[in-house]
């Protein structure tokens, strides 16, 4: 019975600390992702859903737009893939936000380009106007509502002034381009590699394919902050690599790229890519850097080692109870002392983790995990202590 109990304890620990993996595939995006429009001109943007081959029955999103450059005229969802709405899609021009939360009955929707919402914007003032997802979810039709969102792709629009001088300049430039081969349009670059998730203070790096031997302008926006930019150069094969000069902070970073030829001719903007920056998984206590996963794995391995040792002692105890009763008793006492020292060390590590909360706020998942770990650890201590008493007596 004790043997079964020990194996059950091992099973519980393995279930608790071996994470389950899920494949995230859903992508929310805005189409078109780029475009040039004049002040006062209205244009439509579609919120699209790519389910990645999975069946989906619900999705939510909060979109932010630059309300100094754009205003929402209307939202259309009569042709939406969703027929059920928790709340009808809504917008706020003063806040610069759009919200939606909709769904469809089983068997759900599966597709690469499902239209959720049509947004009609009007240009207010000239400049670059970013439109990005602040948050979003894609819920699988699996009976559990698993969030399979794997990408939130925003957009960047150019709003140009509407006056006679700018129109004349535009016409002149178009005529000039038709006669100058050196100023013909060049291709838009493609960002081929980026990190979908980074820890705070990591380096944000992108790689891509652009115009050969061209200057590559890179535009970065964190959440709803002002746009920043940098540049790099492509090689003979058009490949380029760019590393953002600043260390990233918690939030979402949207990145675009464009080619700039030697003659100054510019391409359109690439499709945006998004990187989520999260709080680091390690904390610093005094002069020590503690990694949560490293500590948890070490503690579990130590506990499993103690349990295995107890099983070994129990086995030999049953075989040699009559012949070596005194030695087993002494071994049990020594094992009990060692176990108490180990428990003391584990409690000390847990105390350090709690103390580390002053360094940064733990996430709700981390807090729940720590509380659950303490509870299960307490139960495991009780089981092991009982086994030690059984062996020692």
Protein backbone atom coordinates (compact mmCIF):
# COMPACT_ATOMS: atom_id res chain seq x y z
CA UNK A 1 0.00 0.00 0.00
CA UNK A 2 2.82 2.40 0.89
CA UNK A 3 4.53 1.55 -2.39
CA UNK A 4 1.37 2.41 -4.31
CA UNK A 5 1.04 5.63 -2.37
CA UNK A 6 4.59 6.65 -3.31
CA UNK A 7 4.00 5.90 -6.98
CA UNK A 8 0.77 7.90 -6.82
CA UNK A 9 2.70 10.86 -5.36
CA UNK A 10 5.20 10.67 -8.24
CA UNK A 11 2.30 10.60 -10.71
CA UNK A 12 0.71 13.67 -9.12
CA UNK A 13 3.97 15.62 -9.34
CA UNK A 14 4.50 14.69 -12.97
CA UNK A 15 0.95 15.76 -13.81
CA UNK A 16 1.41 19.07 -12.04
CA UNK A 17 4.78 20.07 -13.41
CA UNK A 18 4.87 18.71 -16.95
CA UNK A 19 3.10 21.38 -19.04
CA UNK A 20 0.59 20.46 -21.68
CA UNK A 21 1.26 21.88 -25.13
CA UNK A 22 -1.29 23.35 -27.49
CA UNK A 23 -0.93 24.43 -31.08
CA UNK A 24 -1.83 28.09 -31.57
CA UNK A 25 -2.78 28.94 -35.14
CA UNK A 26 -5.41 31.70 -35.30
CA UNK A 27 -4.44 35.07 -36.79
CA UNK A 28 -6.37 38.34 -36.68
CA UNK A 29 -5.30 40.89 -39.28
CA UNK A 30 -6.35 44.12 -41.00
CA UNK A 31 -6.73 44.31 -44.78
CA UNK A 32 -5.32 46.24 -46.48
CA UNK A 33 -2.36 46.59 -44.13
CA UNK A 34 -1.03 49.68 -45.93
CA UNK A 35 -2.39 52.41 -48.17
CA UNK A 36 -2.28 56.10 -48.97
CA UNK A 37 -5.41 58.24 -48.62
CA UNK A 38 -6.12 61.96 -48.68
CA UNK A 39 -7.50 64.09 -45.88
CA UNK A 40 -11.31 63.87 -46.03
CA UNK A 41 -11.25 60.65 -48.04
CA UNK A 42 -13.10 57.61 -46.68
CA UNK A 43 -11.76 54.08 -47.03
CA UNK A 44 -12.65 50.64 -45.70
CA UNK A 45 -10.56 48.19 -43.69
CA UNK A 46 -11.57 44.56 -43.11
CA UNK A 47 -10.86 42.69 -39.88
CA UNK A 48 -9.93 39.21 -41.12
CA UNK A 49 -9.62 35.88 -39.34
CA UNK A 50 -7.35 33.04 -40.44
CA UNK A 51 -8.14 29.93 -38.36
CA UNK A 52 -5.09 27.97 -39.54
CA UNK A 53 -7.24 24.98 -40.41
CA UNK A 54 -8.92 24.82 -37.00
CA UNK A 55 -12.64 25.18 -36.38
CA UNK A 56 -13.36 28.41 -34.50
CA UNK A 57 -16.60 29.55 -32.88
CA UNK A 58 -15.69 32.89 -31.26
CA UNK A 59 -13.25 35.79 -31.39
CA UNK A 60 -12.75 39.08 -29.56
CA UNK A 61 -10.59 42.09 -30.26
CA UNK A 62 -9.76 45.62 -29.21
CA UNK A 63 -8.30 47.83 -31.94
CA UNK A 64 -6.56 51.15 -31.40
CA UNK A 65 -6.26 53.83 -34.10
CA UNK A 66 -4.56 57.22 -34.23
CA UNK A 67 -7.53 59.53 -33.66
CA UNK A 68 -5.47 62.58 -34.55
CA UNK A 69 -5.16 61.30 -38.13
CA UNK A 70 -8.26 59.09 -38.48
CA UNK A 71 -11.89 58.93 -37.44
CA UNK A 72 -14.31 56.02 -37.69
CA UNK A 73 -17.34 56.74 -39.86
CA UNK A 74 -19.14 53.41 -39.43
CA UNK A 75 -18.81 49.72 -38.62
CA UNK A 76 -20.39 47.06 -40.82
CA UNK A 77 -20.96 43.44 -39.84
CA UNK A 78 -24.06 42.32 -41.73
CA UNK A 79 -21.83 40.10 -43.93
CA UNK A 80 -19.70 38.89 -41.01
CA UNK A 81 -18.77 35.23 -40.52
CA UNK A 82 -20.19 35.71 -37.00
CA UNK A 83 -23.93 35.71 -36.40
CA UNK A 84 -23.85 36.00 -32.59
CA UNK A 85 -22.55 39.06 -30.74
CA UNK A 86 -21.96 39.41 -27.00
CA UNK A 87 -22.22 43.13 -27.65
CA UNK A 88 -22.61 44.77 -31.03
CA UNK A 89 -19.27 46.04 -32.40
CA UNK A 90 -18.64 49.57 -31.15
CA UNK A 91 -16.15 52.41 -31.56
CA UNK A 92 -15.08 55.59 -29.79
CA UNK A 93 -13.42 58.35 -31.81
CA UNK A 94 -12.39 60.32 -28.68
CA UNK A 95 -10.66 57.22 -27.26
CA UNK A 96 -9.44 55.92 -30.61
CA UNK A 97 -10.75 52.39 -29.99
CA UNK A 98 -12.87 49.73 -31.70
CA UNK A 99 -14.24 46.67 -29.87
CA UNK A 100 -15.86 43.47 -31.07
CA UNK A 101 -16.84 40.13 -29.50
CA UNK A 102 -18.68 37.66 -31.70
CA UNK A 103 -19.23 34.02 -32.43
CA UNK A 104 -20.89 31.41 -34.56
CA UNK A 105 -22.71 28.19 -33.54
CA UNK A 106 -21.13 24.76 -33.92
CA UNK A 107 -19.53 23.48 -36.13
CA UNK A 108 -17.95 26.93 -36.19
CA UNK A 109 -15.94 28.63 -38.92
CA UNK A 110 -12.85 27.29 -40.71
CA UNK A 111 -11.02 29.36 -43.28
CA UNK A 112 -8.01 31.51 -44.20
CA UNK A 113 -9.86 34.79 -44.79
CA UNK A 114 -13.03 35.19 -42.77
CA UNK A 115 -14.38 38.73 -42.65
CA UNK A 116 -15.41 39.68 -39.11
CA UNK A 117 -15.91 43.41 -39.39
CA UNK A 118 -15.72 46.24 -41.94
CA UNK A 119 -14.36 49.53 -40.57
CA UNK A 120 -14.86 52.72 -42.57
CA UNK A 121 -12.27 55.38 -41.73
CA UNK A 122 -11.95 58.99 -42.86
CA UNK A 123 -8.64 60.84 -42.97
CA UNK A 124 -8.51 63.81 -40.57
CA UNK A 125 -4.95 65.11 -40.84
CA UNK A 126 -1.83 64.27 -42.84
CA UNK A 127 0.79 61.89 -41.47
CA UNK A 128 1.37 58.23 -40.67
CA UNK A 129 -1.73 56.65 -39.08
CA UNK A 130 -1.18 53.31 -37.33
CA UNK A 131 -4.09 50.96 -36.58
CA UNK A 132 -3.19 48.07 -34.26
CA UNK A 133 -4.70 45.36 -32.10
CA UNK A 134 -4.38 46.07 -28.38
CA UNK A 135 -5.69 42.59 -27.61
CA UNK A 136 -7.43 39.71 -29.32
CA UNK A 137 -8.49 36.11 -28.93
CA UNK A 138 -9.50 33.26 -31.25
CA UNK A 139 -11.43 30.49 -29.50
CA UNK A 140 -11.41 26.97 -30.93
CA UNK A 141 -14.60 24.97 -31.30
CA UNK A 142 -13.21 22.20 -29.08
CA UNK A 143 -15.70 22.32 -26.22
CA UNK A 144 -13.18 24.11 -24.00
CA UNK A 145 -12.83 27.44 -25.77
CA UNK A 146 -9.06 27.07 -26.20
CA UNK A 147 -7.47 30.36 -27.28
CA UNK A 148 -5.42 29.56 -30.41
CA UNK A 149 -4.54 33.17 -31.27
CA UNK A 150 -1.03 33.21 -32.73
CA UNK A 151 -0.82 36.62 -34.34
CA UNK A 152 -2.36 40.10 -34.25
CA UNK A 153 -1.39 42.00 -37.39
CA UNK A 154 -2.07 45.72 -37.52
CA UNK A 155 -1.76 48.27 -40.31
CA UNK A 156 -0.13 51.60 -41.14
CA UNK A 157 -1.78 54.12 -43.47
CA UNK A 158 -0.43 57.32 -44.99
CA UNK A 159 -2.81 60.30 -44.91
CA UNK A 160 -1.77 62.96 -47.40
CA UNK A 161 -2.84 66.61 -47.41
CA UNK A 162 -5.56 67.75 -49.81
CA UNK A 163 -4.63 71.07 -51.42
CA UNK A 164 -3.89 72.37 -54.88
CA UNK A 165 -0.13 72.55 -54.41
CA UNK A 166 0.13 68.93 -53.24
CA UNK A 167 -2.06 67.75 -56.14
CA UNK A 168 0.09 69.64 -58.62
CA UNK A 169 3.22 68.16 -57.09
CA UNK A 170 1.75 64.67 -57.26
CA UNK A 171 0.88 65.07 -60.94
CA UNK A 172 4.36 66.40 -61.70
CA UNK A 173 5.98 63.49 -59.88
CA UNK A 174 3.83 60.96 -61.74
CA UNK A 175 4.82 62.47 -65.09
CA UNK A 176 8.46 62.53 -64.05
CA UNK A 177 8.36 58.89 -62.99
CA UNK A 178 6.92 57.89 -66.36
CA UNK A 179 9.99 59.34 -68.11
CA UNK A 180 12.69 58.40 -65.60
CA UNK A 181 13.55 54.72 -65.55
CA UNK A 182 15.74 55.22 -62.46
CA UNK A 183 12.72 56.34 -60.46
CA UNK A 184 10.44 53.43 -61.35
CA UNK A 185 8.65 51.82 -58.37
CA UNK A 186 10.62 49.22 -56.45
CA UNK A 187 9.32 46.13 -54.72
CA UNK A 188 8.06 46.11 -51.15
CA UNK A 189 10.32 44.25 -48.68
CA UNK A 190 9.18 41.19 -46.74
CA UNK A 191 9.96 40.59 -43.07
CA UNK A 192 10.76 36.88 -42.97
CA UNK A 193 11.97 36.31 -39.42
CA UNK A 194 11.11 37.88 -36.07
CA UNK A 195 10.42 36.84 -32.49
CA UNK A 196 6.75 36.55 -31.66
CA UNK A 197 7.56 36.84 -27.96
CA UNK A 198 10.49 38.38 -26.06
CA UNK A 199 11.40 38.99 -22.43
CA UNK A 200 11.67 42.56 -21.21
CA UNK A 201 15.08 44.15 -21.96
CA UNK A 202 15.81 41.66 -24.75
CA UNK A 203 16.93 42.85 -28.19
CA UNK A 204 14.26 43.16 -30.89
CA UNK A 205 15.70 41.85 -34.16
CA UNK A 206 14.06 41.30 -37.53
CA UNK A 207 15.32 39.76 -40.77
CA UNK A 208 13.89 40.13 -44.22
CA UNK A 209 14.26 40.25 -47.96
CA UNK A 210 14.34 43.62 -49.70
CA UNK A 211 15.67 45.41 -52.76
CA UNK A 212 19.33 44.44 -53.40
CA UNK A 213 21.91 46.93 -52.15
CA UNK A 214 19.24 49.28 -50.84
CA UNK A 215 18.70 51.21 -47.67
CA UNK A 216 15.98 49.59 -45.55
CA UNK A 217 13.89 51.91 -43.41
CA UNK A 218 12.33 50.19 -40.39
CA UNK A 219 9.38 51.71 -38.51
CA UNK A 220 8.59 50.60 -34.93
CA UNK A 221 5.62 51.37 -32.71
CA UNK A 222 5.15 50.20 -29.13
CA UNK A 223 1.44 49.90 -28.26
CA UNK A 224 -0.04 53.33 -29.01
CA UNK A 225 3.14 55.35 -28.54
CA UNK A 226 4.78 57.56 -31.15
CA UNK A 227 6.37 55.88 -34.16
CA UNK A 228 10.15 55.51 -34.14
CA UNK A 229 12.39 54.50 -37.02
CA UNK A 230 15.81 53.18 -37.87
CA UNK A 231 17.57 51.80 -40.91
CA UNK A 232 19.89 49.11 -42.18
CA UNK A 233 21.18 47.99 -45.59
CA UNK A 234 20.48 44.93 -47.69
CA UNK A 235 23.14 42.81 -49.37
CA UNK A 236 23.60 41.69 -52.96
CA UNK A 237 20.95 39.02 -52.36
CA UNK A 238 18.51 41.54 -50.85
CA UNK A 239 18.70 40.01 -47.37
CA UNK A 240 18.78 42.41 -44.42
CA UNK A 241 18.91 42.29 -40.63
CA UNK A 242 17.89 45.04 -38.22
CA UNK A 243 18.24 45.26 -34.43
CA UNK A 244 16.28 47.91 -32.55
CA UNK A 245 18.61 50.22 -30.63
CA UNK A 246 16.47 50.38 -27.47
CA UNK A 247 15.82 47.52 -25.07
CA UNK A 248 12.20 46.49 -25.30
CA UNK A 249 9.67 46.97 -22.50
CA UNK A 250 6.51 45.06 -21.65
CA UNK A 251 3.85 45.51 -24.33
CA UNK A 252 3.31 44.93 -28.06
CA UNK A 253 5.74 46.12 -30.75
CA UNK A 254 4.59 46.48 -34.37
CA UNK A 255 7.29 46.66 -37.06
CA UNK A 256 7.18 47.66 -40.74
CA UNK A 257 9.92 47.96 -43.38
CA UNK A 258 10.34 49.74 -46.71
CA UNK A 259 13.01 49.81 -49.44
CA UNK A 260 14.79 53.05 -50.27
CA UNK A 261 16.79 52.90 -53.52
CA UNK A 262 20.02 54.80 -54.16
CA UNK A 263 18.12 57.43 -56.14
CA UNK A 264 15.76 58.00 -53.19
CA UNK A 265 12.86 56.09 -54.67
CA UNK A 266 10.83 54.37 -51.92
CA UNK A 267 8.71 51.25 -51.90
CA UNK A 268 5.46 50.73 -50.06
CA UNK A 269 5.43 49.47 -46.47
CA UNK A 270 5.72 45.77 -45.76
CA UNK A 271 3.05 43.83 -43.93
CA UNK A 272 3.49 44.54 -40.20
CA UNK A 273 4.77 41.95 -37.75
CA UNK A 274 4.03 41.97 -34.03
CA UNK A 275 6.22 41.00 -31.09
CA UNK A 276 4.81 40.60 -27.59
CA UNK A 277 7.20 41.57 -24.78
CA UNK A 278 6.53 39.92 -21.42
CA UNK A 279 8.01 40.27 -17.94
CA UNK A 280 11.10 38.05 -17.55
CA UNK A 281 10.74 34.57 -16.09
CA UNK A 282 13.62 35.20 -13.67
CA UNK A 283 13.97 37.49 -10.68
CA UNK A 284 16.89 38.85 -8.76
CA UNK A 285 17.19 38.38 -5.01
CA UNK A 286 20.27 40.10 -3.63
CA UNK A 287 23.18 39.09 -5.82
CA UNK A 288 21.46 35.90 -7.05
CA UNK A 289 19.43 35.50 -10.22
CA UNK A 290 16.65 32.98 -9.67
CA UNK A 291 14.82 31.31 -12.51
CA UNK A 292 11.37 29.98 -11.60
CA UNK A 293 11.49 27.00 -13.91
CA UNK A 294 15.01 26.04 -12.77
CA UNK A 295 14.03 26.13 -9.10
CA UNK A 296 10.81 24.19 -9.63
CA UNK A 297 12.54 21.49 -11.66
CA UNK A 298 15.30 21.20 -9.05
CA UNK A 299 12.81 20.90 -6.20
CA UNK A 300 10.77 18.27 -7.98
CA UNK A 301 13.88 16.23 -8.80
CA UNK A 302 15.00 16.41 -5.17
CA UNK A 303 11.61 15.23 -3.95
CA UNK A 304 11.54 12.40 -6.46
CA UNK A 305 15.03 11.40 -5.34
CA UNK A 306 13.90 11.29 -1.71
CA UNK A 307 10.86 9.20 -2.63
CA UNK A 308 13.04 6.77 -4.62
CA UNK A 309 15.46 6.52 -1.71
CA UNK A 310 12.59 5.74 0.63
CA UNK A 311 11.39 2.98 -1.67
CA UNK A 312 14.88 1.50 -1.72
CA UNK A 313 15.20 1.61 2.06
CA UNK A 314 11.73 0.10 2.45
CA UNK A 315 12.67 -2.76 0.13
CA UNK A 316 15.84 -3.61 2.04
CA UNK A 317 14.04 -3.14 5.31
CA UNK A 318 11.49 -5.82 4.43
CA UNK A 319 14.25 -8.25 3.42
CA UNK A 320 16.57 -7.71 6.37
CA UNK A 321 14.19 -6.67 9.12
CA UNK A 322 15.18 -9.50 11.44
CA UNK A 323 18.89 -9.55 10.68
CA UNK A 324 19.68 -5.81 10.63
CA UNK A 325 16.91 -4.14 12.56
CA UNK A 326 19.23 -1.84 14.50
CA UNK A 327 21.11 -0.65 11.38
CA UNK A 328 17.86 0.08 9.53
CA UNK A 329 16.57 2.05 12.47
CA UNK A 330 19.74 4.15 12.51
CA UNK A 331 19.49 4.64 8.74
CA UNK A 332 15.90 5.75 9.15
CA UNK A 333 16.91 8.32 11.77
CA UNK A 334 19.66 9.63 9.51
CA UNK A 335 17.24 9.80 6.58
CA UNK A 336 14.75 11.69 8.72
CA UNK A 337 17.37 14.30 9.64
CA UNK A 338 18.38 14.67 5.99
CA UNK A 339 14.76 15.07 4.94
CA UNK A 340 14.21 17.81 7.53
CA UNK A 341 17.27 19.68 6.27
CA UNK A 342 15.99 19.37 2.69
CA UNK A 343 12.55 20.66 3.70
CA UNK A 344 14.24 23.61 5.40
CA UNK A 345 16.16 24.45 2.21
CA UNK A 346 13.01 24.19 0.08
CA UNK A 347 11.10 26.46 2.49
CA UNK A 348 13.96 28.95 2.29
CA UNK A 349 13.77 29.00 -1.53
CA UNK A 350 10.02 29.54 -1.41
CA UNK A 351 10.54 32.40 1.05
CA UNK A 352 13.01 33.99 -1.38
CA UNK A 353 10.46 33.71 -4.19
CA UNK A 354 7.85 35.44 -2.03
CA UNK A 355 10.33 38.12 -1.02
CA UNK A 356 11.14 38.69 -4.69
CA UNK A 357 7.64 40.06 -5.23
CA UNK A 358 9.01 43.44 -4.20
CA UNK A 359 11.28 43.35 -7.26
CA UNK A 360 8.35 43.03 -9.65
CA UNK A 361 4.65 42.18 -9.59
CA UNK A 362 4.09 38.48 -10.19
CA UNK A 363 1.48 37.53 -12.75
CA UNK A 364 -1.73 35.86 -11.60
CA UNK A 365 -0.51 32.60 -13.16
CA UNK A 366 2.74 32.77 -11.18
CA UNK A 367 0.90 33.50 -7.93
CA UNK A 368 -1.54 30.62 -8.50
CA UNK A 369 1.33 28.33 -9.38
CA UNK A 370 3.29 29.27 -6.24
CA UNK A 371 0.25 28.72 -4.00
CA UNK A 372 -0.56 25.39 -5.64
CA UNK A 373 3.07 24.29 -5.40
CA UNK A 374 3.18 25.08 -1.67
CA UNK A 375 -0.02 23.11 -1.10
CA UNK A 376 1.18 20.05 -3.05
CA UNK A 377 4.62 20.30 -1.43
CA UNK A 378 3.01 20.26 2.01
CA UNK A 379 1.06 17.12 1.11
CA UNK A 380 4.17 15.45 -0.28
CA UNK A 381 6.07 16.27 2.92
CA UNK A 382 3.35 14.57 4.92
CA UNK A 383 3.50 11.41 2.81
CA UNK A 384 7.30 11.22 2.94
CA UNK A 385 7.43 11.96 6.68
CA UNK A 386 4.95 9.13 7.33
CA UNK A 387 7.09 6.73 5.31
CA UNK A 388 10.16 7.72 7.31
CA UNK A 389 8.30 7.14 10.58
CA UNK A 390 7.16 3.70 9.35
CA UNK A 391 10.73 2.75 8.52
CA UNK A 392 12.22 4.15 11.74
CA UNK A 393 9.68 2.46 14.06
